Amino acid sequence: MKRITWKKHHKWFGIIFALFMLMFCLSGIVLNHRALVADINVGRDYLPDDYKYKDWNLGLLRGSVRCNDNNVFIYGNSGIWKTDSTGHSVSDFNKGLPEGVDFRNIKAMVQTPDGSLFAAGQFGLYRNDGKGWESTPLKFSKHERISDLVLKGDTMVVVGRSYLYTSVSPYNEFSRLELKAPEGYDGKVSLFRTVWLMHSGEMFGTVGKLVMDAVAIILILLCLTGIAYWLLPKYIRRIRRRGKTAKGSTQLMKSSLNWHDKLGRYTFVILMFVSFTGWCLRPPVLIALVSFRTPAIPYTVADSDNAWNDRLRMLRYDAEYGDWLLSSSEGIFSLATLQSVPVKLENTPPVSVMGLNVWQKDSCGNWLTGSFSGMYVWDRSRQISTDYFTGEKAEDVAGPPFGKYAVSGYCDNIREKTFVVEYYKGTTALHMPENLSSLPMSLWNFAQEIHTGRIYTILGKGTLIYIFFAGLAALWCIYTGFVIRRKKRE
């Protein structure tokens, strides 16, 4: 193409996508510093209607636990709610929990034999002896997050993303347990996680994240200087038609072009890298990345002696087989004891790459496994999985990020019947109080919705491929800008 054509491409792609790029950059900076913004909430009244809770959707009801006094406690990503076996009234049960919604994302709850309640939030374990929730200290590894909580006899197991934490009654002290490497472990990591860590800079710790913050700021400056260079000529011509000088505006235009040019040329490679890695992290490229594995980059956060680094998801004890079942990003494993070598199981149910949300036994003794790929009934003895909704045999493939039924929760202890909760549709089996519809969202989750493009609800299902096209547009805009300067030098 001629230089003028390259310029038109760069100009119009830049103008059209400048606002979206600014949103990418600002939200990306927030996503890189979750601990700093964990206390900040965003009101759902200010968000599109699709973000208001309705019928326990959007993860508001993940699970429930029925206690000895006939009370039922419902938990999910915005806290804990109290009802009874009839489900006629629902009341708040969050007294003592931190105000930040990010801290109230409850992954699991259990009741101990002495009547105490324990709740596993993603950033901490909480205990309630009847006077409100109190934090229970764990000897966490750095950056550890909780993903599950299990009680077997008098032993409590808190499942982190990388380690297990065990304790016995009265559950005042927890010991960290590193699981043994599974059979056939080769030290490789998911290519998807590698790209993810590279995109955020987390691969190289705090320094890497600060570098990516700097890249985001550079992109912001490129957007602002580009817009200024586009708008100022029109402003300058209007001033001159009035017979006035536009020396200041002309100088500002030249400065904008100069900064735009230098920032783009000197950071071209890293700008392309950030845009490309971000483009890879959403469908359809994401699906391809998940199936590939690569050696961990030495001396980075991905290079760990712990074979389960950021891979643990859920844990269950199967009394029928006398073993532990472990759900991880690598599949489902069996352990005779928590000190045994995990053995990967074959013919397990399909699970979304986003992990399980439901994992418990039904009245027939089969395992129910629910994720955003759907709900399946796993007959472990026959090694057969069937679709919970259709009864058809499940396909022997990994589940997509989102299936026809995106299962986010399950309940079997209200009104003596069971019901599944879908992420978008929720459930009508249990009345949701109207005041819960506008519960706040954490700033971090709000930034995630912006960064992934889901906030643009006007696109409908197009939000699933928004990143694919937005990423291509960003790559083309950056590349055409580089070509323009190269052609000028030639």
Protein backbone atom coordinates (compact mmCIF):
# COMPACT_ATOMS: atom_id res chain seq x y z
CA MET A 1 0.00 0.00 0.00
CA LYS A 2 1.00 3.62 -0.51
CA ARG A 3 2.01 5.65 2.52
CA ILE A 4 -1.24 7.64 2.39
CA THR A 5 -3.22 4.40 2.63
CA TRP A 6 -1.19 3.24 5.62
CA LYS A 7 -1.86 6.62 7.24
CA LYS A 8 -5.62 6.31 6.71
CA HIS A 9 -5.63 2.84 8.23
CA HIS A 10 -3.65 4.03 11.25
CA LYS A 11 -5.81 7.13 11.67
CA TRP A 12 -9.23 5.53 11.51
CA PHE A 13 -8.38 2.35 13.39
CA GLY A 14 -6.83 4.56 16.08
CA ILE A 15 -9.79 6.93 16.30
CA ILE A 16 -12.41 4.20 16.38
CA PHE A 17 -10.64 2.06 18.97
CA ALA A 18 -9.05 4.80 21.12
CA LEU A 19 -11.79 4.67 23.75
CA PHE A 20 -11.69 0.88 23.94
CA MET A 21 -7.90 0.95 24.23
CA LEU A 22 -8.13 3.45 27.08
CA MET A 23 -10.55 1.10 28.83
CA PHE A 24 -8.17 -1.83 28.28
CA CYS A 25 -5.29 0.12 29.83
CA LEU A 26 -7.09 1.55 32.85
CA SER A 27 -8.79 -1.74 33.70
CA GLY A 28 -5.53 -3.62 33.19
CA ILE A 29 -3.75 -1.47 35.77
CA VAL A 30 -6.52 -2.21 38.30
CA LEU A 31 -6.39 -5.95 37.54
CA ASN A 32 -2.65 -5.96 38.24
CA HIS A 33 -3.13 -4.70 41.80
CA ARG A 34 -6.01 -6.66 43.26
CA ALA A 35 -4.90 -6.40 46.89
CA LEU A 36 -4.83 -2.60 46.70
CA VAL A 37 -8.44 -2.31 45.47
CA ALA A 38 -10.03 -5.25 47.31
CA ASP A 39 -11.92 -2.90 49.66
CA ILE A 40 -13.44 -0.81 46.85
CA ASN A 41 -16.91 -1.66 45.54
CA VAL A 42 -18.94 -0.48 42.54
CA GLY A 43 -22.71 -0.10 42.77
CA ARG A 44 -24.64 -2.27 40.33
CA ASP A 45 -27.19 0.52 39.93
CA TYR A 46 -24.61 2.28 37.78
CA LEU A 47 -24.04 -0.76 35.56
CA PRO A 48 -26.12 -2.21 32.70
CA ASP A 49 -29.23 -4.11 33.83
CA ASP A 50 -27.58 -7.40 32.87
CA TYR A 51 -25.34 -6.96 35.91
CA LYS A 52 -28.15 -6.87 38.43
CA TYR A 53 -28.79 -10.08 40.30
CA LYS A 54 -31.98 -11.90 39.37
CA ASP A 55 -33.12 -15.30 40.61
CA TRP A 56 -29.74 -15.97 42.26
CA ASN A 57 -27.82 -15.71 38.98
CA LEU A 58 -24.28 -14.44 38.27
CA GLY A 59 -22.83 -16.68 40.99
CA LEU A 60 -24.89 -15.23 43.86
CA LEU A 61 -25.84 -18.79 44.88
CA ARG A 62 -22.96 -21.23 44.60
CA GLY A 63 -23.99 -23.71 47.27
CA SER A 64 -25.64 -24.18 50.64
CA VAL A 65 -25.11 -25.98 53.92
CA ARG A 66 -27.86 -27.27 56.21
CA CYS A 67 -27.09 -27.10 59.90
CA ASN A 68 -28.17 -29.10 62.91
CA ASP A 69 -30.75 -26.47 63.94
CA ASN A 70 -32.53 -26.73 60.55
CA ASN A 71 -31.07 -23.44 59.35
CA VAL A 72 -29.76 -23.34 55.80
CA PHE A 73 -26.94 -21.00 54.81
CA ILE A 74 -26.62 -19.94 51.18
CA TYR A 75 -23.27 -18.70 49.94
CA GLY A 76 -21.83 -17.29 46.73
CA ASN A 77 -19.76 -14.48 45.31
CA SER A 78 -21.38 -11.70 47.38
CA GLY A 79 -21.57 -13.25 50.82
CA ILE A 80 -23.75 -15.50 52.98
CA TRP A 81 -27.53 -15.57 53.50
CA LYS A 82 -29.61 -17.37 56.08
CA THR A 83 -32.89 -19.21 55.46
CA ASP A 84 -34.51 -22.45 56.60
CA SER A 85 -35.62 -25.69 54.99
CA THR A 86 -38.75 -23.99 53.64
CA GLY A 87 -36.84 -21.16 51.97
CA HIS A 88 -39.66 -18.71 52.74
CA SER A 89 -37.43 -15.97 54.18
CA VAL A 90 -33.86 -15.00 53.42
CA SER A 91 -31.81 -12.75 55.70
CA ASP A 92 -28.31 -11.29 55.71
CA PHE A 93 -25.65 -13.33 57.52
CA ASN A 94 -22.50 -11.33 56.74
CA LYS A 95 -21.88 -9.63 60.08
CA GLY A 96 -18.16 -9.62 60.76
CA LEU A 97 -17.06 -10.24 57.16
CA PRO A 98 -14.96 -7.52 55.48
CA GLU A 99 -16.98 -4.91 53.59
CA GLY A 100 -15.09 -5.38 50.32
CA VAL A 101 -17.07 -7.72 48.03
CA ASP A 102 -13.82 -9.31 46.88
CA PHE A 103 -13.40 -10.69 50.42
CA ARG A 104 -16.99 -11.98 50.46
CA ASN A 105 -16.58 -14.33 47.50
CA ILE A 106 -17.35 -17.50 49.46
CA LYS A 107 -16.13 -20.73 47.89
CA ALA A 108 -17.43 -23.25 50.47
CA MET A 109 -18.95 -23.63 53.93
CA VAL A 110 -18.96 -26.40 56.55
CA GLN A 111 -20.36 -26.92 60.04
CA THR A 112 -18.21 -28.68 62.63
CA PRO A 113 -19.64 -31.18 65.14
CA ASP A 114 -19.61 -28.51 67.89
CA GLY A 115 -21.91 -26.30 65.79
CA SER A 116 -19.32 -23.77 64.58
CA LEU A 117 -19.58 -22.54 61.01
CA PHE A 118 -16.56 -22.06 58.77
CA ALA A 119 -16.62 -20.19 55.47
CA ALA A 120 -13.82 -20.14 52.91
CA GLY A 121 -13.54 -16.79 51.16
CA GLN A 122 -11.03 -16.55 48.35
CA PHE A 123 -8.69 -14.46 50.54
CA GLY A 124 -9.29 -15.94 53.97
CA LEU A 125 -11.01 -18.44 56.26
CA TYR A 126 -13.77 -17.19 58.57
CA ARG A 127 -15.32 -18.74 61.67
CA ASN A 128 -18.71 -18.08 63.28
CA ASP A 129 -19.47 -19.34 66.79
CA GLY A 130 -22.77 -17.47 66.97
CA LYS A 131 -21.41 -13.94 67.53
CA GLY A 132 -20.49 -13.07 63.97
CA TRP A 133 -17.70 -13.96 61.58
CA GLU A 134 -14.07 -13.76 62.64
CA SER A 135 -10.97 -14.33 60.56
CA THR A 136 -9.05 -17.56 61.21
CA PRO A 137 -5.33 -17.20 60.45
CA LEU A 138 -3.68 -19.55 57.99
CA LYS A 139 0.01 -19.81 57.23
CA PHE A 140 -0.56 -18.74 53.66
CA SER A 141 2.05 -18.79 50.97
CA LYS A 142 2.56 -15.49 49.19
CA HIS A 143 -0.31 -14.69 46.78
CA GLU A 144 -2.19 -17.85 47.79
CA ARG A 145 -5.95 -17.90 47.23
CA ILE A 146 -8.51 -20.30 48.71
CA SER A 147 -10.60 -22.39 46.34
CA ASP A 148 -12.38 -24.95 48.57
CA LEU A 149 -13.05 -26.19 52.10
CA VAL A 150 -13.69 -29.80 53.21
CA LEU A 151 -14.48 -31.46 56.54
CA LYS A 152 -13.83 -35.20 57.02
CA GLY A 153 -14.45 -36.44 60.54
CA ASP A 154 -12.60 -34.01 62.78
CA THR A 155 -10.12 -33.02 60.08
CA MET A 156 -10.63 -29.77 58.19
CA VAL A 157 -8.86 -29.19 54.89
CA VAL A 158 -8.60 -25.76 53.32
CA VAL A 159 -7.73 -25.97 49.63
CA GLY A 160 -5.50 -23.20 48.33
CA ARG A 161 -4.59 -22.80 44.70
CA SER A 162 -1.17 -24.35 45.38
CA TYR A 163 -1.25 -25.99 48.83
CA LEU A 164 -3.57 -27.70 51.29
CA TYR A 165 -3.97 -26.46 54.87
CA THR A 166 -5.08 -29.02 57.46
CA SER A 167 -6.24 -28.81 61.06
CA VAL A 168 -8.09 -30.86 63.65
CA SER A 169 -10.55 -29.74 66.31
CA PRO A 170 -10.62 -27.03 67.66
CA TYR A 171 -9.21 -25.75 64.34
CA ASN A 172 -7.05 -23.00 65.79
CA GLU A 173 -3.86 -23.87 63.92
CA PHE A 174 -3.42 -25.06 60.35
CA SER A 175 -0.44 -26.85 58.85
CA ARG A 176 0.53 -26.37 55.24
CA LEU A 177 0.73 -29.51 53.11
CA GLU A 178 2.38 -29.70 49.71
CA LEU A 179 0.95 -32.55 47.65
CA LYS A 180 3.33 -34.91 45.95
CA ALA A 181 3.88 -34.67 42.22
CA PRO A 182 1.45 -36.87 40.25
CA GLU A 183 2.52 -39.87 38.23
CA GLY A 184 4.10 -38.84 34.94
CA TYR A 185 4.70 -35.22 36.04
CA ASP A 186 7.03 -33.52 33.54
CA GLY A 187 7.25 -30.03 35.00
CA LYS A 188 5.47 -28.44 32.04
CA VAL A 189 2.81 -25.78 32.45
CA SER A 190 -0.24 -24.76 30.47
CA LEU A 191 0.58 -22.52 27.52
CA PHE A 192 -2.55 -20.55 28.39
CA ARG A 193 -1.21 -19.76 31.88
CA THR A 194 2.19 -18.87 30.46
CA VAL A 195 0.65 -16.36 28.06
CA TRP A 196 -1.61 -15.03 30.81
CA LEU A 197 1.31 -14.40 33.18
CA MET A 198 3.32 -12.78 30.39
CA HIS A 199 0.44 -10.48 29.44
CA SER A 200 -0.01 -9.18 32.98
CA GLY A 201 3.71 -9.13 33.76
CA GLU A 202 3.10 -11.34 36.80
CA MET A 203 5.51 -13.86 35.30
CA PHE A 204 8.31 -11.68 36.69
CA GLY A 205 6.64 -10.73 39.96
CA THR A 206 5.98 -7.17 41.11
CA VAL A 207 8.62 -5.75 38.78
CA GLY A 208 6.97 -7.37 35.79
CA LYS A 209 3.56 -6.00 36.74
CA LEU A 210 4.98 -2.49 37.14
CA VAL A 211 6.55 -2.76 33.68
CA MET A 212 3.17 -3.68 32.21
CA ASP A 213 1.60 -0.78 34.09
CA ALA A 214 4.14 1.46 32.37
CA VAL A 215 3.20 -0.06 29.00
CA ALA A 216 -0.47 0.70 29.77
CA ILE A 217 0.44 4.32 30.52
CA ILE A 218 2.34 4.54 27.23
CA LEU A 219 -0.71 3.26 25.37
CA ILE A 220 -2.86 5.84 27.16
CA LEU A 221 -0.47 8.60 26.08
CA LEU A 222 -0.48 7.29 22.51
CA CYS A 223 -4.28 7.41 22.46
CA LEU A 224 -4.43 10.93 23.91
CA THR A 225 -1.69 12.38 21.71
CA GLY A 226 -3.18 10.70 18.64
CA ILE A 227 -6.61 12.17 19.34
CA ALA A 228 -5.07 15.59 20.00
CA TYR A 229 -3.18 15.47 16.68
CA TRP A 230 -6.44 14.58 14.90
CA LEU A 231 -8.54 17.30 16.54
CA LEU A 232 -6.12 20.25 16.73
CA PRO A 233 -5.83 20.98 12.96
CA LYS A 234 -9.58 21.58 12.81
CA TYR A 235 -9.37 23.86 15.83
CA ILE A 236 -6.40 25.74 14.38
CA ARG A 237 -8.15 26.34 11.04
CA ARG A 238 -11.21 27.67 12.86
CA ILE A 239 -9.07 30.12 14.83
CA ARG A 240 -7.24 31.33 11.73
CA ARG A 241 -10.51 31.93 9.89
CA ARG A 242 -11.29 34.40 12.64
CA GLY A 243 -8.06 36.24 11.91
CA LYS A 244 -6.31 35.16 15.10
CA THR A 245 -2.98 33.44 15.63
CA ALA A 246 -2.85 29.84 16.78
CA LYS A 247 0.78 29.67 17.85
CA GLY A 248 0.08 27.82 21.13
CA SER A 249 -2.22 25.29 19.50
CA THR A 250 0.20 24.75 16.63
CA GLN A 251 3.02 24.08 19.08
CA LEU A 252 0.80 21.67 21.01
CA MET A 253 -0.01 19.81 17.81
CA LYS A 254 3.67 19.48 16.96
CA SER A 255 4.46 18.30 20.47
CA SER A 256 1.66 15.74 20.32
CA LEU A 257 2.95 14.37 17.03
CA ASN A 258 6.52 14.29 18.35
CA TRP A 259 5.56 12.40 21.50
CA HIS A 260 3.23 10.11 19.59
CA ASP A 261 5.98 9.29 17.11
CA LYS A 262 8.74 8.62 19.65
CA LEU A 263 6.62 6.62 22.08
CA GLY A 264 5.29 4.43 19.28
CA ARG A 265 8.66 3.80 17.64
CA TYR A 266 10.67 3.08 20.77
CA THR A 267 8.10 0.76 22.34
CA PHE A 268 6.81 -0.92 19.17
CA VAL A 269 7.96 -4.43 20.08
CA ILE A 270 6.53 -4.51 23.60
CA LEU A 271 3.29 -2.87 22.43
CA MET A 272 2.84 -5.60 19.85
CA PHE A 273 3.70 -8.23 22.45
CA VAL A 274 1.13 -6.98 24.97
CA SER A 275 -1.59 -6.70 22.33
CA PHE A 276 -0.83 -10.15 20.92
CA THR A 277 -0.80 -11.92 24.31
CA GLY A 278 -4.06 -10.22 25.29
CA TRP A 279 -5.61 -11.29 22.00
CA CYS A 280 -4.70 -14.89 22.79
CA LEU A 281 -6.48 -15.00 26.13
CA ARG A 282 -10.06 -15.09 24.89
CA PRO A 283 -11.94 -17.40 22.52
CA PRO A 284 -11.29 -18.77 20.02
CA VAL A 285 -7.50 -18.64 20.56
CA LEU A 286 -7.88 -19.44 24.28
CA ILE A 287 -9.34 -22.87 23.50
CA ALA A 288 -6.28 -23.78 21.45
CA LEU A 289 -3.84 -22.57 24.14
CA VAL A 290 -5.41 -24.66 26.92
CA SER A 291 -4.55 -27.93 25.19
CA PHE A 292 -0.84 -27.11 24.80
CA ARG A 293 1.85 -27.43 27.45
CA THR A 294 5.27 -25.85 27.55
CA PRO A 295 8.32 -25.93 29.86
CA ALA A 296 8.18 -23.30 32.59
CA ILE A 297 10.35 -20.25 31.98
CA PRO A 298 13.30 -20.53 34.42
CA TYR A 299 13.48 -18.16 37.40
CA THR A 300 9.90 -16.93 37.00
CA VAL A 301 6.78 -17.44 39.12
CA ALA A 302 5.80 -20.30 36.79
CA ASP A 303 9.05 -22.10 37.60
CA SER A 304 8.12 -23.74 40.91
CA ASP A 305 9.26 -26.84 42.76
CA ASN A 306 5.63 -27.35 43.73
CA ALA A 307 4.04 -29.56 41.06
CA TRP A 308 0.61 -28.13 42.01
CA ASN A 309 1.52 -24.46 41.80
CA ASP A 310 -1.78 -22.60 41.04
CA ARG A 311 -3.42 -25.86 39.90
CA LEU A 312 -5.60 -26.97 42.82
CA ARG A 313 -9.33 -26.31 42.61
CA MET A 314 -11.59 -28.63 44.69
CA LEU A 315 -11.23 -31.62 47.02
CA ARG A 316 -13.70 -34.32 48.06
CA TYR A 317 -13.56 -37.52 50.07
CA ASP A 318 -15.24 -40.55 48.49
CA ALA A 319 -16.31 -42.79 51.37
CA GLU A 320 -17.34 -45.56 48.99
CA TYR A 321 -13.80 -45.90 47.61
CA GLY A 322 -11.98 -44.67 50.70
CA ASP A 323 -9.92 -42.12 48.77
CA TRP A 324 -9.65 -38.39 48.16
CA LEU A 325 -10.69 -36.90 44.84
CA LEU A 326 -8.83 -33.82 43.68
CA SER A 327 -10.07 -31.52 40.91
CA SER A 328 -7.33 -29.46 39.34
CA SER A 329 -6.54 -27.56 36.17
CA GLU A 330 -4.87 -30.80 35.02
CA GLY A 331 -7.92 -33.04 35.54
CA ILE A 332 -9.31 -35.17 38.37
CA PHE A 333 -6.95 -37.24 40.54
CA SER A 334 -7.32 -39.93 43.21
CA LEU A 335 -5.27 -40.04 46.43
CA ALA A 336 -5.38 -42.89 48.95
CA THR A 337 -4.30 -40.34 51.58
CA LEU A 338 -3.31 -36.71 51.33
CA GLN A 339 0.32 -37.85 51.56
CA SER A 340 -0.02 -40.29 48.64
CA VAL A 341 1.03 -39.80 45.04
CA PRO A 342 -1.99 -38.49 43.09
CA VAL A 343 -3.14 -40.74 40.24
CA LYS A 344 -5.00 -39.16 37.35
CA LEU A 345 -8.38 -40.72 36.63
CA GLU A 346 -9.63 -41.50 33.15
CA ASN A 347 -13.17 -41.21 31.79
CA THR A 348 -14.04 -38.27 34.03
CA PRO A 349 -16.80 -35.74 33.25
CA PRO A 350 -16.16 -32.73 30.98
CA VAL A 351 -15.17 -29.63 32.95
CA SER A 352 -14.91 -26.05 31.74
CA VAL A 353 -11.42 -24.54 31.71
CA MET A 354 -12.81 -22.22 34.39
CA GLY A 355 -13.15 -25.14 36.82
CA LEU A 356 -15.90 -26.84 38.80
CA ASN A 357 -18.60 -24.93 40.68
CA VAL A 358 -20.55 -27.98 41.86
CA TRP A 359 -19.11 -31.28 43.10
CA GLN A 360 -21.17 -33.47 45.40
CA LYS A 361 -22.99 -36.79 45.51
CA ASP A 362 -26.63 -37.24 44.57
CA SER A 363 -29.19 -39.50 46.24
CA CYS A 364 -27.99 -42.47 44.15
CA GLY A 365 -24.38 -42.12 45.25
CA ASN A 366 -23.15 -40.71 41.91
CA TRP A 367 -21.05 -37.57 41.70
CA LEU A 368 -22.63 -34.40 40.31
CA THR A 369 -20.10 -32.18 38.54
CA GLY A 370 -21.21 -28.73 37.47
CA SER A 371 -19.23 -26.09 35.64
CA PHE A 372 -19.79 -23.53 32.92
CA SER A 373 -19.66 -26.47 30.50
CA GLY A 374 -22.81 -27.96 32.02
CA MET A 375 -23.83 -30.48 34.68
CA TYR A 376 -22.94 -34.15 34.55
CA VAL A 377 -23.71 -37.28 36.57
CA TRP A 378 -20.53 -39.29 37.08
CA ASP A 379 -20.99 -42.97 37.84
CA ARG A 380 -17.49 -43.67 39.06
CA SER A 381 -17.94 -47.43 39.36
CA ARG A 382 -18.86 -47.78 35.68
CA GLN A 383 -16.66 -44.83 34.58
CA ILE A 384 -19.61 -43.30 32.73
CA SER A 385 -20.74 -39.66 32.71
CA THR A 386 -24.17 -38.57 31.52
CA ASP A 387 -25.63 -35.14 30.93
CA TYR A 388 -27.70 -34.11 33.97
CA PHE A 389 -30.30 -32.37 31.82
CA THR A 390 -30.64 -34.73 28.85
CA GLY A 391 -29.45 -38.07 30.21
CA GLU A 392 -27.24 -38.53 27.14
CA LYS A 393 -23.73 -39.88 27.46
CA ALA A 394 -21.17 -37.12 27.84
CA GLU A 395 -18.55 -36.57 25.17
CA ASP A 396 -15.05 -37.59 26.18
CA VAL A 397 -13.59 -34.12 25.63
CA ALA A 398 -12.71 -31.13 27.78
CA GLY A 399 -15.62 -28.75 28.17
CA PRO A 400 -15.72 -25.36 26.44
CA PRO A 401 -15.51 -22.16 28.54
CA PHE A 402 -19.30 -21.79 28.29
CA GLY A 403 -21.77 -24.49 27.30
CA LYS A 404 -25.53 -24.52 26.76
CA TYR A 405 -26.02 -24.73 30.52
CA ALA A 406 -23.49 -22.62 32.43
CA VAL A 407 -23.90 -24.10 35.91
CA SER A 408 -22.81 -21.84 38.75
CA GLY A 409 -24.53 -23.45 41.74
CA TYR A 410 -26.60 -26.27 43.19
CA CYS A 411 -28.85 -26.76 46.23
CA ASP A 412 -30.36 -29.94 47.68
CA ASN A 413 -31.47 -28.98 51.18
CA ILE A 414 -34.37 -26.55 50.74
CA ARG A 415 -37.97 -27.79 50.44
CA GLU A 416 -36.75 -31.37 50.14
CA LYS A 417 -35.92 -30.95 46.46
CA THR A 418 -32.84 -30.20 44.41
CA PHE A 419 -32.26 -27.42 41.93
CA VAL A 420 -29.48 -26.26 39.66
CA VAL A 421 -28.51 -22.59 39.37
CA GLU A 422 -27.42 -21.34 35.96
CA TYR A 423 -25.01 -18.44 35.73
CA TYR A 424 -27.17 -16.24 33.50
CA LYS A 425 -30.70 -17.54 34.19
CA GLY A 426 -30.35 -18.36 37.88
CA THR A 427 -33.20 -20.40 39.33
CA THR A 428 -36.86 -19.80 40.15
CA ALA A 429 -36.94 -22.63 42.69
CA LEU A 430 -36.03 -20.21 45.50
CA HIS A 431 -37.33 -16.66 45.85
CA MET A 432 -34.58 -14.04 45.87
CA PRO A 433 -35.27 -10.88 47.94
CA GLU A 434 -35.44 -7.79 45.76
CA ASN A 435 -32.86 -5.93 47.85
CA LEU A 436 -30.18 -8.40 46.75
CA SER A 437 -30.45 -7.38 43.10
CA SER A 438 -28.26 -4.30 43.58
CA LEU A 439 -25.56 -5.76 45.80
CA PRO A 440 -22.26 -4.08 44.87
CA MET A 441 -19.56 -5.53 42.66
CA SER A 442 -15.88 -5.36 43.56
CA LEU A 443 -13.81 -2.84 41.62
CA TRP A 444 -11.50 -5.66 40.55
CA ASN A 445 -14.38 -7.64 39.02
CA PHE A 446 -15.70 -4.49 37.38
CA ALA A 447 -12.29 -3.93 35.80
CA GLN A 448 -12.30 -7.56 34.64
CA GLU A 449 -15.67 -7.06 32.94
CA ILE A 450 -14.26 -4.04 31.09
CA HIS A 451 -11.01 -5.77 30.18
CA THR A 452 -12.76 -8.82 28.73
CA GLY A 453 -15.36 -6.74 26.91
CA ARG A 454 -18.31 -8.28 28.74
CA ILE A 455 -19.32 -4.81 29.96
CA TYR A 456 -20.44 -3.95 26.41
CA THR A 457 -23.69 -5.85 26.83
CA ILE A 458 -25.13 -4.25 23.70
CA LEU A 459 -23.00 -6.74 21.74
CA GLY A 460 -24.96 -9.69 23.17
CA LYS A 461 -23.15 -12.97 22.53
CA GLY A 462 -20.69 -10.98 20.45
CA THR A 463 -18.83 -10.22 23.69
CA LEU A 464 -17.37 -13.74 23.42
CA ILE A 465 -15.43 -12.76 20.29
CA TYR A 466 -15.03 -9.06 21.08
CA ILE A 467 -11.41 -9.51 22.17
CA PHE A 468 -10.61 -11.43 18.99
CA PHE A 469 -11.54 -8.49 16.77
CA ALA A 470 -10.46 -5.74 19.18
CA GLY A 471 -7.07 -7.42 19.52
CA LEU A 472 -6.62 -7.64 15.77
CA ALA A 473 -7.58 -3.96 15.46
CA ALA A 474 -5.04 -2.97 18.12
CA LEU A 475 -2.28 -4.99 16.45
CA TRP A 476 -3.06 -3.47 13.06
CA CYS A 477 -3.16 0.08 14.44
CA ILE A 478 0.22 -0.31 16.15
CA TYR A 479 1.76 -1.95 13.09
CA THR A 480 0.49 0.65 10.63
CA GLY A 481 1.87 3.42 12.84
CA PHE A 482 5.28 1.76 12.74
CA VAL A 483 5.12 1.34 8.94
CA ILE A 484 4.26 5.03 8.47
CA ARG A 485 7.38 6.18 10.34
CA ARG A 486 9.56 3.61 8.57
CA LYS A 487 8.34 4.71 5.15
CA LYS A 488 8.94 8.35 6.09
CA ARG A 489 12.56 7.61 6.99
CA GLU A 490 13.04 5.74 3.73
